[in-house]
Amino acid sequence: MPLLLTVALQAGPVWCQTPEPRVFAICTGRLSALMEHQWLISDPRADQTERQRDAMQEIAAAVTPEAEAATALNLRIEAKQAQADLLSLASFSGNATTAGVAARRSEELISACTALLLG
């Protein structure tokens, strides 16, 4: 059996694995950036994104040990800025290739985060 398959099988199903607390902080930042971008461009999906961000923020607060709160906040801020940069490139870049790559990457990152939420 190939090594990669062996490792994947030993790791168990993805849905059984609990993400590290830092993942929820990062996703909170990403969703915050998306929400603010949607406000900027008057996207009606901003309300849904705000609910998702609020849910992610609650999860992040619940799973982050108090001793790691400052680190989590830093991760959230850095992720928010990185996502905001991608969204700006996707929406306002004068280069179609750059805009397309940024839009796809932004969507991938947001999808990975929203997959962590129920409903």
Protein backbone atom coordinates (compact mmCIF):
# COMPACT_ATOMS: atom_id res chain seq x y z
CA MET A 1 0.00 0.00 0.00
CA PRO A 2 1.40 3.45 -0.88
CA LEU A 3 2.70 5.43 2.10
CA LEU A 4 0.34 8.39 1.55
CA LEU A 5 -2.71 6.12 1.52
CA THR A 6 -1.49 4.34 4.65
CA VAL A 7 -1.08 7.65 6.48
CA ALA A 8 -4.50 8.87 5.30
CA LEU A 9 -6.22 5.71 6.49
CA GLN A 10 -4.48 5.84 9.86
CA ALA A 11 -5.50 9.45 10.32
CA GLY A 12 -9.19 8.52 10.14
CA PRO A 13 -11.98 10.37 8.39
CA VAL A 14 -11.54 14.11 8.03
CA TRP A 15 -14.90 14.76 9.68
CA CYS A 16 -13.63 13.08 12.85
CA GLN A 17 -10.68 15.39 13.23
CA THR A 18 -11.08 18.54 15.32
CA PRO A 19 -9.26 21.58 13.91
CA GLU A 20 -6.77 23.37 16.12
CA PRO A 21 -8.15 26.46 17.88
CA ARG A 22 -5.99 28.68 15.67
CA VAL A 23 -7.99 27.58 12.61
CA PHE A 24 -11.13 29.16 14.07
CA ALA A 25 -9.28 32.42 14.78
CA ILE A 26 -7.94 32.50 11.22
CA CYS A 27 -11.38 31.76 9.78
CA THR A 28 -12.94 34.51 11.91
CA GLY A 29 -10.47 36.96 10.36
CA ARG A 30 -11.15 35.73 6.84
CA LEU A 31 -14.90 35.98 7.27
CA SER A 32 -14.53 39.47 8.79
CA ALA A 33 -12.65 40.61 5.71
CA LEU A 34 -15.23 39.08 3.39
CA MET A 35 -18.09 40.70 5.30
CA GLU A 36 -16.44 44.15 5.14
CA HIS A 37 -15.69 43.70 1.44
CA GLN A 38 -19.31 42.75 0.81
CA TRP A 39 -20.43 45.87 2.65
CA LEU A 40 -18.08 47.92 0.47
CA ILE A 41 -19.51 46.56 -2.77
CA SER A 42 -23.13 46.40 -1.47
CA ASP A 43 -23.28 42.62 -1.75
CA PRO A 44 -26.57 41.33 -0.26
CA ARG A 45 -24.74 38.24 1.04
CA ALA A 46 -23.07 40.37 3.73
CA ASP A 47 -25.77 39.49 6.26
CA GLN A 48 -25.16 35.77 5.79
CA THR A 49 -21.42 36.27 6.04
CA GLU A 50 -21.90 38.29 9.22
CA ARG A 51 -23.85 35.39 10.78
CA GLN A 52 -21.11 32.98 9.73
CA ARG A 53 -18.43 35.27 11.14
CA ASP A 54 -20.33 35.60 14.43
CA ALA A 55 -20.67 31.81 14.71
CA MET A 56 -16.99 31.31 13.94
CA GLN A 57 -16.05 33.96 16.50
CA GLU A 58 -18.10 32.16 19.15
CA ILE A 59 -16.42 28.86 18.37
CA ALA A 60 -12.99 30.49 18.40
CA ALA A 61 -13.66 32.04 21.81
CA ALA A 62 -14.92 28.73 23.19
CA VAL A 63 -11.99 26.60 22.04
CA THR A 64 -9.09 29.01 22.52
CA PRO A 65 -7.28 28.64 25.84
CA GLU A 66 -7.02 31.93 27.72
CA ALA A 67 -3.22 31.76 27.61
CA GLU A 68 -3.39 31.76 23.78
CA ALA A 69 -5.94 34.57 23.38
CA ALA A 70 -3.37 37.17 22.30
CA THR A 71 -1.86 34.82 19.72
CA ALA A 72 -5.34 33.99 18.42
CA LEU A 73 -6.16 37.69 18.05
CA ASN A 74 -2.93 38.25 16.13
CA LEU A 75 -3.74 35.34 13.81
CA ARG A 76 -7.21 36.74 13.26
CA ILE A 77 -5.87 40.18 12.36
CA GLU A 78 -3.23 38.77 10.00
CA ALA A 79 -5.77 36.49 8.28
CA LYS A 80 -8.21 39.38 7.91
CA GLN A 81 -5.58 41.54 6.23
CA ALA A 82 -4.45 38.74 3.92
CA GLN A 83 -8.04 37.98 2.90
CA ALA A 84 -8.77 41.68 2.39
CA ASP A 85 -5.73 41.91 0.10
CA LEU A 86 -6.98 38.96 -1.97
CA LEU A 87 -10.47 40.45 -2.22
CA SER A 88 -9.06 43.82 -3.29
CA LEU A 89 -6.99 42.17 -5.99
CA ALA A 90 -9.96 40.11 -7.14
CA SER A 91 -12.25 43.12 -7.38
CA PHE A 92 -10.02 45.99 -8.32
CA SER A 93 -6.97 44.60 -10.10
CA GLY A 94 -6.52 45.89 -13.60
CA ASN A 95 -5.08 42.52 -14.61
CA ALA A 96 -7.68 39.85 -15.39
CA THR A 97 -5.29 36.98 -14.66
CA THR A 98 -4.32 38.40 -11.28
CA ALA A 99 -7.95 39.11 -10.45
CA GLY A 100 -8.98 35.58 -11.39
CA VAL A 101 -6.26 33.91 -9.35
CA ALA A 102 -7.03 36.10 -6.34
CA ALA A 103 -10.78 35.42 -6.62
CA ARG A 104 -10.28 31.65 -6.82
CA ARG A 105 -7.90 31.61 -3.86
CA SER A 106 -10.20 33.80 -1.82
CA GLU A 107 -13.12 31.48 -2.54
CA GLU A 108 -11.04 28.41 -1.62
CA LEU A 109 -10.04 29.89 1.73
CA ILE A 110 -13.57 31.03 2.58
CA SER A 111 -15.04 27.66 1.55
CA ALA A 112 -12.60 25.85 3.82
CA CYS A 113 -13.81 28.03 6.69
CA THR A 114 -17.52 27.81 6.05
CA ALA A 115 -17.20 24.03 5.78
CA LEU A 116 -16.44 24.07 9.51
CA LEU A 117 -19.88 25.50 10.29
CA LEU A 118 -23.17 23.66 10.47
CA GLY A 119 -25.99 24.90 8.29
